Amino acid sequence: MRAEFICQYISNEGNVCGRASTCKEGCKIHWKRRQQNSCKQCGKPTTSIHGMCNLHVDKYYSKTYYHRKKLNALEKSALEKSALGNFQLSEAEAK
């Protein structure tokens, strides 16, 4: 079995793995690991979805939580309005 790819995983020290690999994602050790990006404010390596380290990510988590709650409330009110509208239509048809 021939290796067709070279693992491009970059360690915390900045070194490339360079092992031979049969899959494009990386060698058998690194193919599941997420690549670490640097924090947008301080430059520390992080795997956060927001691209921030633990010290700077709090406001992004709270914004995400706020928007998730707001969308849930909007969906709930829309469902209640549609259920109320269907109930009024069925009463009008019964008369």
C-alpha atoms as a PDB file:
ATOM      1  CA  MET A   1       0.000   0.000   0.000  1.00  0.00           C
ATOM      2  CA  ARG A   2       1.537   3.282  -1.124  1.00  0.00           C
ATOM      3  CA  ALA A   3       1.145   6.559   0.675  1.00  0.00           C
ATOM      4  CA  GLU A   4      -0.126   9.239  -1.668  1.00  0.00           C
ATOM      5  CA  PHE A   5      -0.342  12.193   0.712  1.00  0.00           C
ATOM      6  CA  ILE A   6       1.798  13.907   3.327  1.00  0.00           C
ATOM      7  CA  CYS A   7       0.194  14.892   6.644  1.00  0.00           C
ATOM      8  CA  GLN A   8      -0.018  18.689   6.838  1.00  0.00           C
ATOM      9  CA  TYR A   9      -0.995  18.876  10.535  1.00  0.00           C
ATOM     10  CA  ILE A  10       0.749  21.806  12.243  1.00  0.00           C
ATOM     11  CA  SER A  11       1.659  21.257  15.911  1.00  0.00           C
ATOM     12  CA  ASN A  12       1.550  23.919  18.643  1.00  0.00           C
ATOM     13  CA  GLU A  13       5.260  24.554  18.082  1.00  0.00           C
ATOM     14  CA  GLY A  14       4.624  25.319  14.400  1.00  0.00           C
ATOM     15  CA  ASN A  15       6.154  22.114  12.972  1.00  0.00           C
ATOM     16  CA  VAL A  16       4.453  20.210  10.168  1.00  0.00           C
ATOM     17  CA  CYS A  17       3.907  16.474  10.872  1.00  0.00           C
ATOM     18  CA  GLY A  18       5.155  15.300   7.441  1.00  0.00           C
ATOM     19  CA  ARG A  19       4.225  11.602   7.854  1.00  0.00           C
ATOM     20  CA  ALA A  20       3.130   9.614   4.818  1.00  0.00           C
ATOM     21  CA  SER A  21      -0.611   9.100   4.590  1.00  0.00           C
ATOM     22  CA  THR A  22      -3.114   7.272   2.409  1.00  0.00           C
ATOM     23  CA  CYS A  23      -5.947   9.757   3.049  1.00  0.00           C
ATOM     24  CA  LYS A  24      -6.126  13.448   2.286  1.00  0.00           C
ATOM     25  CA  GLU A  25      -7.183  14.445   5.841  1.00  0.00           C
ATOM     26  CA  GLY A  26      -3.875  13.414   7.409  1.00  0.00           C
ATOM     27  CA  CYS A  27      -1.923  10.531   8.934  1.00  0.00           C
ATOM     28  CA  LYS A  28      -3.473   7.906  11.230  1.00  0.00           C
ATOM     29  CA  ILE A  29      -2.767  10.058  14.282  1.00  0.00           C
ATOM     30  CA  HIS A  30      -3.926  13.458  13.041  1.00  0.00           C
ATOM     31  CA  TRP A  31      -6.819  12.796  10.639  1.00  0.00           C
ATOM     32  CA  LYS A  32      -9.514  13.437  13.295  1.00  0.00           C
ATOM     33  CA  ARG A  33      -7.872  16.427  14.981  1.00  0.00           C
ATOM     34  CA  ARG A  34      -9.149  19.899  14.332  1.00  0.00           C
ATOM     35  CA  GLN A  35      -6.631  22.448  13.206  1.00  0.00           C
ATOM     36  CA  GLN A  36      -5.955  25.124  15.823  1.00  0.00           C
ATOM     37  CA  ASN A  37      -6.447  28.719  14.764  1.00  0.00           C
ATOM     38  CA  SER A  38      -4.950  31.631  16.641  1.00  0.00           C
ATOM     39  CA  CYS A  39      -7.170  33.821  18.843  1.00  0.00           C
ATOM     40  CA  LYS A  40      -8.327  36.973  17.054  1.00  0.00           C
ATOM     41  CA  GLN A  41      -7.354  39.153  20.023  1.00  0.00           C
ATOM     42  CA  CYS A  42      -4.277  37.651  21.699  1.00  0.00           C
ATOM     43  CA  GLY A  43      -2.914  35.115  19.185  1.00  0.00           C
ATOM     44  CA  LYS A  44      -3.012  32.008  21.438  1.00  0.00           C
ATOM     45  CA  PRO A  45      -3.892  28.747  19.628  1.00  0.00           C
ATOM     46  CA  THR A  46      -7.538  27.717  20.008  1.00  0.00           C
ATOM     47  CA  THR A  47     -10.054  25.272  18.502  1.00  0.00           C
ATOM     48  CA  SER A  48     -13.096  27.372  19.408  1.00  0.00           C
ATOM     49  CA  ILE A  49     -15.805  27.789  16.776  1.00  0.00           C
ATOM     50  CA  HIS A  50     -15.674  31.548  17.332  1.00  0.00           C
ATOM     51  CA  GLY A  51     -11.895  31.707  16.889  1.00  0.00           C
ATOM     52  CA  MET A  52     -11.262  33.092  20.376  1.00  0.00           C
ATOM     53  CA  CYS A  53      -9.402  31.665  23.388  1.00  0.00           C
ATOM     54  CA  ASN A  54     -11.169  30.975  26.700  1.00  0.00           C
ATOM     55  CA  LEU A  55     -10.347  34.450  28.017  1.00  0.00           C
ATOM     56  CA  HIS A  56     -12.014  36.278  25.114  1.00  0.00           C
ATOM     57  CA  VAL A  57     -14.861  34.000  24.019  1.00  0.00           C
ATOM     58  CA  ASP A  58     -17.386  34.793  26.790  1.00  0.00           C
ATOM     59  CA  LYS A  59     -19.195  37.609  24.969  1.00  0.00           C
ATOM     60  CA  TYR A  60     -19.600  35.419  21.866  1.00  0.00           C
ATOM     61  CA  TYR A  61     -21.086  32.587  23.926  1.00  0.00           C
ATOM     62  CA  SER A  62     -23.564  34.994  25.537  1.00  0.00           C
ATOM     63  CA  LYS A  63     -24.546  36.420  22.118  1.00  0.00           C
ATOM     64  CA  THR A  64     -25.112  32.915  20.773  1.00  0.00           C
ATOM     65  CA  TYR A  65     -27.195  32.004  23.834  1.00  0.00           C
ATOM     66  CA  TYR A  66     -29.274  35.205  23.505  1.00  0.00           C
ATOM     67  CA  HIS A  67     -30.026  34.618  19.815  1.00  0.00           C
ATOM     68  CA  ARG A  68     -30.884  30.952  20.404  1.00  0.00           C
ATOM     69  CA  LYS A  69     -33.382  31.925  23.140  1.00  0.00           C
ATOM     70  CA  LYS A  70     -34.845  34.687  20.959  1.00  0.00           C
ATOM     71  CA  LEU A  71     -35.379  32.304  18.025  1.00  0.00           C
ATOM     72  CA  ASN A  72     -37.016  29.736  20.306  1.00  0.00           C
ATOM     73  CA  ALA A  73     -39.411  32.395  21.642  1.00  0.00           C
ATOM     74  CA  LEU A  74     -40.279  33.540  18.103  1.00  0.00           C
ATOM     75  CA  GLU A  75     -40.956  29.965  16.998  1.00  0.00           C
ATOM     76  CA  LYS A  76     -43.133  29.355  20.034  1.00  0.00           C
ATOM     77  CA  SER A  77     -45.200  32.500  19.457  1.00  0.00           C
ATOM     78  CA  ALA A  78     -45.592  31.653  15.746  1.00  0.00           C
ATOM     79  CA  LEU A  79     -46.820  28.158  16.617  1.00  0.00           C
ATOM     80  CA  GLU A  80     -49.293  29.557  19.154  1.00  0.00           C
ATOM     81  CA  LYS A  81     -50.637  32.058  16.614  1.00  0.00           C
ATOM     82  CA  SER A  82     -51.060  29.409  13.946  1.00  0.00           C
ATOM     83  CA  ALA A  83     -52.767  27.046  16.418  1.00  0.00           C
ATOM     84  CA  LEU A  84     -55.099  29.840  17.532  1.00  0.00           C
ATOM     85  CA  GLY A  85     -55.896  30.722  13.915  1.00  0.00           C
ATOM     86  CA  ASN A  86     -56.683  27.081  13.101  1.00  0.00           C
ATOM     87  CA  PHE A  87     -58.930  26.860  16.177  1.00  0.00           C
ATOM     88  CA  GLN A  88     -60.902  29.962  15.127  1.00  0.00           C
ATOM     89  CA  LEU A  89     -61.298  28.588  11.583  1.00  0.00           C
ATOM     90  CA  SER A  90     -62.647  25.278  12.870  1.00  0.00           C
ATOM     91  CA  GLU A  91     -65.196  27.099  15.098  1.00  0.00           C
ATOM     92  CA  ALA A  92     -66.390  29.163  12.136  1.00  0.00           C
ATOM     93  CA  GLU A  93     -66.831  26.012  10.032  1.00  0.00           C
ATOM     94  CA  ALA A  94     -68.814  24.314  12.811  1.00  0.00           C
ATOM     95  CA  LYS A  95     -71.464  27.091  12.834  1.00  0.00           C
END
